[in-house]
PDB file of N, CA and C in Angstrom:
ATOM      1  N   MET A   1     121.571  95.517  79.562  1.00  0.00           N
ATOM      2  CA  MET A   1     121.800  96.932  80.255  1.00  0.00           C
ATOM      3  C   MET A   1     122.999  96.842  80.910  1.00  0.00           C
ATOM      4  N   THR A   2     123.682  98.024  80.870  1.00  0.00           N
ATOM      5  CA  THR A   2     125.686  98.256  80.790  1.00  0.00           C
ATOM      6  C   THR A   2     125.438  98.783  82.327  1.00  0.00           C
ATOM      7  N   THR A   3     127.023  98.270  82.357  1.00  0.00           N
ATOM      8  CA  THR A   3     127.616  98.658  83.722  1.00  0.00           C
ATOM      9  C   THR A   3     126.847  99.507  84.202  1.00  0.00           C
ATOM     10  N   GLU A   4     127.319 100.869  83.448  1.00  0.00           N
ATOM     11  CA  GLU A   4     126.997 102.144  84.407  1.00  0.00           C
ATOM     12  C   GLU A   4     125.373 102.028  84.608  1.00  0.00           C
ATOM     13  N   ASN A   5     124.525 101.506  83.910  1.00  0.00           N
ATOM     14  CA  ASN A   5     123.094 101.684  84.653  1.00  0.00           C
ATOM     15  C   ASN A   5     123.204 100.053  85.719  1.00  0.00           C
ATOM     16  N   SER A   6     123.801  99.587  85.670  1.00  0.00           N
ATOM     17  CA  SER A   6     123.832  98.572  86.477  1.00  0.00           C
ATOM     18  C   SER A   6     124.244  99.302  88.395  1.00  0.00           C
ATOM     19  N   SER A   7     124.995 100.152  88.245  1.00  0.00           N
ATOM     20  CA  SER A   7     125.751 100.335  89.173  1.00  0.00           C
ATOM     21  C   SER A   7     124.649 101.636  89.982  1.00  0.00           C
ATOM     22  N   VAL A   8     123.707 102.204  88.768  1.00  0.00           N
ATOM     23  CA  VAL A   8     123.242 103.276  89.001  1.00  0.00           C
ATOM     24  C   VAL A   8     121.698 102.781  90.049  1.00  0.00           C
ATOM     25  N   LEU A   9     120.992 101.713  89.388  1.00  0.00           N
ATOM     26  CA  LEU A   9     119.807 100.968  89.768  1.00  0.00           C
ATOM     27  C   LEU A   9     120.544 100.257  90.764  1.00  0.00           C
ATOM     28  N   SER A  10     121.836  99.649  90.854  1.00  0.00           N
ATOM     29  CA  SER A  10     121.716  98.192  92.035  1.00  0.00           C
ATOM     30  C   SER A  10     121.200  98.500  93.715  1.00  0.00           C
ATOM     31  N   GLY A  11     120.953  97.770  94.089  1.00  0.00           N
ATOM     32  CA  GLY A  11     119.992  98.186  95.565  1.00  0.00           C
ATOM     33  C   GLY A  11     118.627  98.526  95.375  1.00  0.00           C
ATOM     34  N   GLN A  12     118.726  99.812  94.640  1.00  0.00           N
ATOM     35  CA  GLN A  12     116.989 100.035  94.288  1.00  0.00           C
ATOM     36  C   GLN A  12     115.907  99.326  93.896  1.00  0.00           C
ATOM     37  N   ARG A  13     115.388  99.010  94.987  1.00  0.00           N
ATOM     38  CA  ARG A  13     114.190  97.609  94.688  1.00  0.00           C
ATOM     39  C   ARG A  13     112.637  98.506  94.287  1.00  0.00           C
ATOM     40  N   LEU A  14     112.735  99.538  94.369  1.00  0.00           N
ATOM     41  CA  LEU A  14     111.216 100.385  93.689  1.00  0.00           C
ATOM     42  C   LEU A  14     111.881 101.993  93.214  1.00  0.00           C
ATOM     43  N   VAL A  15     111.676 101.784  92.059  1.00  0.00           N
ATOM     44  CA  VAL A  15     111.746 103.162  90.995  1.00  0.00           C
ATOM     45  C   VAL A  15     110.726 104.182  90.845  1.00  0.00           C
ATOM     46  N   PRO A  16     110.001 105.035  91.823  1.00  0.00           N
ATOM     47  CA  PRO A  16     108.366 105.378  91.324  1.00  0.00           C
ATOM     48  C   PRO A  16     108.746 106.199  90.590  1.00  0.00           C
ATOM     49  N   LEU A  17     107.884 106.451  89.486  1.00  0.00           N
ATOM     50  CA  LEU A  17     107.487 107.435  88.555  1.00  0.00           C
ATOM     51  C   LEU A  17     106.481 108.181  88.886  1.00  0.00           C
ATOM     52  N   ALA A  18     106.714 109.631  88.768  1.00  0.00           N
ATOM     53  CA  ALA A  18     105.858 110.137  88.749  1.00  0.00           C
ATOM     54  C   ALA A  18     105.837 111.225  87.361  1.00  0.00           C
ATOM     55  N   THR A  19     104.557 112.245  86.959  1.00  0.00           N
ATOM     56  CA  THR A  19     104.024 113.462  86.219  1.00  0.00           C
ATOM     57  C   THR A  19     103.834 114.430  87.230  1.00  0.00           C
ATOM     58  N   PRO A  20     104.889 115.310  87.383  1.00  0.00           N
ATOM     59  CA  PRO A  20     104.760 116.390  88.543  1.00  0.00           C
ATOM     60  C   PRO A  20     103.658 117.672  87.261  1.00  0.00           C
ATOM     61  N   GLN A  21     103.295 118.324  87.182  1.00  0.00           N
ATOM     62  CA  GLN A  21     102.249 119.654  86.803  1.00  0.00           C
ATOM     63  C   GLN A  21     102.863 120.543  87.009  1.00  0.00           C
ATOM     64  N   ASN A  22     103.792 121.127  87.985  1.00  0.00           N
ATOM     65  CA  ASN A  22     104.183 122.377  88.640  1.00  0.00           C
ATOM     66  C   ASN A  22     105.543 122.762  89.045  1.00  0.00           C
ATOM     67  N   ALA A  23     105.637 123.477  89.989  1.00  0.00           N
ATOM     68  CA  ALA A  23     106.593 123.405  90.557  1.00  0.00           C
ATOM     69  C   ALA A  23     106.385 123.348  91.957  1.00  0.00           C
ATOM     70  N   ASP A  24     104.931 123.590  92.355  1.00  0.00           N
ATOM     71  CA  ASP A  24     104.621 122.853  93.656  1.00  0.00           C
ATOM     72  C   ASP A  24     104.344 121.355  93.402  1.00  0.00           C
ATOM     73  N   HIS A  25     104.563 120.845  92.642  1.00  0.00           N
ATOM     74  CA  HIS A  25     104.343 119.284  92.950  1.00  0.00           C
ATOM     75  C   HIS A  25     106.104 118.885  92.685  1.00  0.00           C
ATOM     76  N   THR A  26     106.493 119.883  92.086  1.00  0.00           N
ATOM     77  CA  THR A  26     107.820 119.133  92.110  1.00  0.00           C
ATOM     78  C   THR A  26     108.671 118.703  93.602  1.00  0.00           C
ATOM     79  N   LEU A  27     108.156 119.975  94.055  1.00  0.00           N
ATOM     80  CA  LEU A  27     108.733 120.327  95.599  1.00  0.00           C
ATOM     81  C   LEU A  27     108.057 119.327  96.446  1.00  0.00           C
ATOM     82  N   ALA A  28     106.541 119.056  96.375  1.00  0.00           N
ATOM     83  CA  ALA A  28     106.392 117.912  97.248  1.00  0.00           C
ATOM     84  C   ALA A  28     106.993 116.474  96.488  1.00  0.00           C
ATOM     85  N   LEU A  29     106.924 116.433  95.629  1.00  0.00           N
ATOM     86  CA  LEU A  29     107.634 114.895  95.172  1.00  0.00           C
ATOM     87  C   LEU A  29     108.832 115.159  95.706  1.00  0.00           C
ATOM     88  N   ARG A  30     109.997 115.658  95.961  1.00  0.00           N
ATOM     89  CA  ARG A  30     111.699 116.020  96.005  1.00  0.00           C
ATOM     90  C   ARG A  30     111.017 115.097  97.828  1.00  0.00           C
ATOM     91  N   GLU A  31     110.413 116.101  98.373  1.00  0.00           N
ATOM     92  CA  GLU A  31     110.190 116.150  99.591  1.00  0.00           C
ATOM     93  C   GLU A  31     109.678 114.326 100.236  1.00  0.00           C
ATOM     94  N   GLY A  32     108.433 114.493  99.878  1.00  0.00           N
ATOM     95  CA  GLY A  32     108.248 113.004  99.819  1.00  0.00           C
ATOM     96  C   GLY A  32     109.295 111.845  99.416  1.00  0.00           C
ATOM     97  N   ILE A  33     109.684 111.981  98.089  1.00  0.00           N
ATOM     98  CA  ILE A  33     110.899 110.790  98.104  1.00  0.00           C
ATOM     99  C   ILE A  33     112.103 110.799  99.075  1.00  0.00           C
ATOM    100  N   LEU A  34     112.613 111.831  98.925  1.00  0.00           N
ATOM    101  CA  LEU A  34     113.424 111.701 100.493  1.00  0.00           C
ATOM    102  C   LEU A  34     112.962 111.672 101.504  1.00  0.00           C
ATOM    103  N   GLY A  35     111.984 112.138 102.206  1.00  0.00           N
ATOM    104  CA  GLY A  35     111.033 111.494 103.266  1.00  0.00           C
ATOM    105  C   GLY A  35     110.766 109.987 103.650  1.00  0.00           C
ATOM    106  N   GLY A  36     110.787 109.727 102.278  1.00  0.00           N
ATOM    107  CA  GLY A  36     110.468 108.041 102.143  1.00  0.00           C
ATOM    108  C   GLY A  36     111.596 107.590 102.421  1.00  0.00           C
ATOM    109  N   GLY A  37     113.036 107.672 102.346  1.00  0.00           N
ATOM    110  CA  GLY A  37     113.868 107.522 102.172  1.00  0.00           C
ATOM    111  C   GLY A  37     114.391 106.690 101.116  1.00  0.00           C
ATOM    112  N   LEU A  38     113.637 107.210  99.597  1.00  0.00           N
ATOM    113  CA  LEU A  38     114.391 106.475  98.654  1.00  0.00           C
ATOM    114  C   LEU A  38     115.286 107.553  97.780  1.00  0.00           C
ATOM    115  N   GLY A  39     115.714 107.305  97.085  1.00  0.00           N
ATOM    116  CA  GLY A  39     116.476 108.620  96.649  1.00  0.00           C
ATOM    117  C   GLY A  39     116.724 108.179  94.773  1.00  0.00           C
ATOM    118  N   ILE A  40     115.614 108.079  94.524  1.00  0.00           N
ATOM    119  CA  ILE A  40     115.506 107.649  92.639  1.00  0.00           C
ATOM    120  C   ILE A  40     114.430 107.932  92.288  1.00  0.00           C
ATOM    121  N   VAL A  41     114.221 108.551  91.274  1.00  0.00           N
ATOM    122  CA  VAL A  41     112.820 109.270  90.782  1.00  0.00           C
ATOM    123  C   VAL A  41     112.781 109.156  89.098  1.00  0.00           C
ATOM    124  N   GLU A  42     111.503 108.319  88.366  1.00  0.00           N
ATOM    125  CA  GLU A  42     111.445 108.453  86.781  1.00  0.00           C
ATOM    126  C   GLU A  42     110.970 109.650  86.409  1.00  0.00           C
ATOM    127  N   VAL A  43     110.473 110.354  85.760  1.00  0.00           N
ATOM    128  CA  VAL A  43     110.024 111.537  85.638  1.00  0.00           C
ATOM    129  C   VAL A  43     109.341 111.263  84.117  1.00  0.00           C
ATOM    130  N   GLY A  44     108.022 110.674  84.578  1.00  0.00           N
ATOM    131  CA  GLY A  44     107.448 110.536  82.795  1.00  0.00           C
ATOM    132  C   GLY A  44     107.008 111.782  82.011  1.00  0.00           C
ATOM    133  N   LEU A  45     107.476 111.834  80.971  1.00  0.00           N
ATOM    134  CA  LEU A  45     107.546 112.722  79.238  1.00  0.00           C
ATOM    135  C   LEU A  45     105.995 113.431  78.905  1.00  0.00           C
ATOM    136  N   ARG A  46     105.282 113.049  80.155  1.00  0.00           N
ATOM    137  CA  ARG A  46     103.967 113.270  79.635  1.00  0.00           C
ATOM    138  C   ARG A  46     103.154 114.567  79.784  1.00  0.00           C
ATOM    139  N   ASN A  47     103.930 115.540  79.827  1.00  0.00           N
ATOM    140  CA  ASN A  47     103.253 116.490  80.057  1.00  0.00           C
ATOM    141  C   ASN A  47     104.132 117.903  79.627  1.00  0.00           C
ATOM    142  N   PRO A  48     103.827 119.135  79.408  1.00  0.00           N
ATOM    143  CA  PRO A  48     104.793 119.899  78.887  1.00  0.00           C
ATOM    144  C   PRO A  48     106.310 120.668  79.842  1.00  0.00           C
ATOM    145  N   TYR A  49     105.588 120.559  81.203  1.00  0.00           N
ATOM    146  CA  TYR A  49     106.600 120.730  82.560  1.00  0.00           C
ATOM    147  C   TYR A  49     107.717 119.689  83.050  1.00  0.00           C
ATOM    148  N   ALA A  50     106.898 118.840  82.085  1.00  0.00           N
ATOM    149  CA  ALA A  50     108.011 117.397  82.290  1.00  0.00           C
ATOM    150  C   ALA A  50     109.965 117.657  82.450  1.00  0.00           C
ATOM    151  N   MET A  51     110.183 118.357  81.429  1.00  0.00           N
ATOM    152  CA  MET A  51     111.546 118.611  81.442  1.00  0.00           C
ATOM    153  C   MET A  51     112.062 119.150  82.549  1.00  0.00           C
ATOM    154  N   THR A  52     111.477 120.675  83.006  1.00  0.00           N
ATOM    155  CA  THR A  52     111.822 121.839  84.200  1.00  0.00           C
ATOM    156  C   THR A  52     111.851 120.651  85.104  1.00  0.00           C
ATOM    157  N   ALA A  53     110.696 119.790  85.385  1.00  0.00           N
ATOM    158  CA  ALA A  53     110.677 119.152  86.468  1.00  0.00           C
ATOM    159  C   ALA A  53     111.663 118.661  86.853  1.00  0.00           C
ATOM    160  N   LEU A  54     112.187 117.445  85.552  1.00  0.00           N
ATOM    161  CA  LEU A  54     113.714 116.830  85.679  1.00  0.00           C
ATOM    162  C   LEU A  54     114.807 117.971  85.959  1.00  0.00           C
ATOM    163  N   ALA A  55     114.500 118.299  85.110  1.00  0.00           N
ATOM    164  CA  ALA A  55     115.854 119.863  85.789  1.00  0.00           C
ATOM    165  C   ALA A  55     115.513 120.056  87.232  1.00  0.00           C
ATOM    166  N   ASP A  56     114.813 120.029  87.664  1.00  0.00           N
ATOM    167  CA  ASP A  56     114.954 120.713  88.787  1.00  0.00           C
ATOM    168  C   ASP A  56     114.931 119.524  90.079  1.00  0.00           C
ATOM    169  N   LEU A  57     114.380 118.632  89.470  1.00  0.00           N
ATOM    170  CA  LEU A  57     115.108 117.590  90.299  1.00  0.00           C
ATOM    171  C   LEU A  57     115.982 117.039  90.448  1.00  0.00           C
ATOM    172  N   ALA A  58     116.787 116.821  89.311  1.00  0.00           N
ATOM    173  CA  ALA A  58     118.037 116.541  89.328  1.00  0.00           C
ATOM    174  C   ALA A  58     119.338 117.311  89.781  1.00  0.00           C
ATOM    175  N   ALA A  59     119.377 119.094  89.767  1.00  0.00           N
ATOM    176  CA  ALA A  59     119.884 120.503  90.150  1.00  0.00           C
ATOM    177  C   ALA A  59     120.068 120.101  92.072  1.00  0.00           C
ATOM    178  N   GLY A  60     119.118 119.130  92.430  1.00  0.00           N
ATOM    179  CA  GLY A  60     119.592 119.470  94.284  1.00  0.00           C
ATOM    180  C   GLY A  60     120.698 118.844  94.391  1.00  0.00           C
ATOM    181  N   GLY A  61     120.884 117.637  93.499  1.00  0.00           N
ATOM    182  CA  GLY A  61     121.861 116.474  93.344  1.00  0.00           C
ATOM    183  C   GLY A  61     121.838 115.538  94.479  1.00  0.00           C
ATOM    184  N   ASP A  62     120.521 115.785  94.861  1.00  0.00           N
ATOM    185  CA  ASP A  62     120.172 114.296  96.093  1.00  0.00           C
ATOM    186  C   ASP A  62     119.594 113.595  95.619  1.00  0.00           C
ATOM    187  N   LEU A  63     118.886 113.181  94.667  1.00  0.00           N
ATOM    188  CA  LEU A  63     118.443 112.074  93.890  1.00  0.00           C
ATOM    189  C   LEU A  63     118.730 111.998  92.474  1.00  0.00           C
ATOM    190  N   ILE A  64     118.622 110.566  92.066  1.00  0.00           N
ATOM    191  CA  ILE A  64     118.886 109.670  90.673  1.00  0.00           C
ATOM    192  C   ILE A  64     117.650 109.867  89.941  1.00  0.00           C
ATOM    193  N   VAL A  65     117.616 110.884  89.297  1.00  0.00           N
ATOM    194  CA  VAL A  65     116.818 111.228  88.651  1.00  0.00           C
ATOM    195  C   VAL A  65     116.963 110.636  86.626  1.00  0.00           C
ATOM    196  N   GLY A  66     115.701 110.122  86.598  1.00  0.00           N
ATOM    197  CA  GLY A  66     115.663 109.566  85.159  1.00  0.00           C
ATOM    198  C   GLY A  66     114.621 109.604  84.253  1.00  0.00           C
ATOM    199  N   ALA A  67     114.655 109.648  83.241  1.00  0.00           N
ATOM    200  CA  ALA A  67     113.308 109.868  82.220  1.00  0.00           C
ATOM    201  C   ALA A  67     113.162 108.773  81.434  1.00  0.00           C
ATOM    202  N   GLY A  68     112.088 108.314  80.991  1.00  0.00           N
ATOM    203  CA  GLY A  68     112.254 107.365  79.933  1.00  0.00           C
ATOM    204  C   GLY A  68     111.342 105.639  80.381  1.00  0.00           C
ATOM    205  N   THR A  69     112.289 104.980  79.896  1.00  0.00           N
ATOM    206  CA  THR A  69     111.926 103.519  80.515  1.00  0.00           C
ATOM    207  C   THR A  69     112.739 102.523  80.733  1.00  0.00           C
ATOM    208  N   VAL A  70     112.385 102.209  82.030  1.00  0.00           N
ATOM    209  CA  VAL A  70     113.685 101.111  82.548  1.00  0.00           C
ATOM    210  C   VAL A  70     113.075  99.703  82.312  1.00  0.00           C
ATOM    211  N   LEU A  71     114.252  99.420  81.379  1.00  0.00           N
ATOM    212  CA  LEU A  71     113.807  98.050  81.198  1.00  0.00           C
ATOM    213  C   LEU A  71     114.415  96.710  81.538  1.00  0.00           C
ATOM    214  N   ASP A  72     115.393  96.956  82.828  1.00  0.00           N
ATOM    215  CA  ASP A  72     115.814  95.849  83.565  1.00  0.00           C
ATOM    216  C   ASP A  72     116.313  96.339  84.537  1.00  0.00           C
ATOM    217  N   ALA A  73     116.152  95.778  85.818  1.00  0.00           N
ATOM    218  CA  ALA A  73     116.726  95.970  87.417  1.00  0.00           C
ATOM    219  C   ALA A  73     117.341  94.581  88.255  1.00  0.00           C
TER     220      ALA A  73
END
C-alpha cells in the first residue's frame, strides 16, 4: 500500500461497498453514508450506471469515493 492510500484509509474502520442503480439510489446512498457518520464509500463497477454514480458521489466533495478492490487497510 502506498503512503497516499494509507493516509486516505487511515482511521477508517469500515469501507462500505455500494452498487447504486440510478440517481435516486445514489442520493439515498450519500445521505445514508453521511448520516451514519461515515465519510468513505467504494462503488462497485457492476452496472452501466456505476461511473455516473462514482462521479456524482465524488462531486459533492464531502466523501472519499473509490472504485475497485481494496487489498489492504
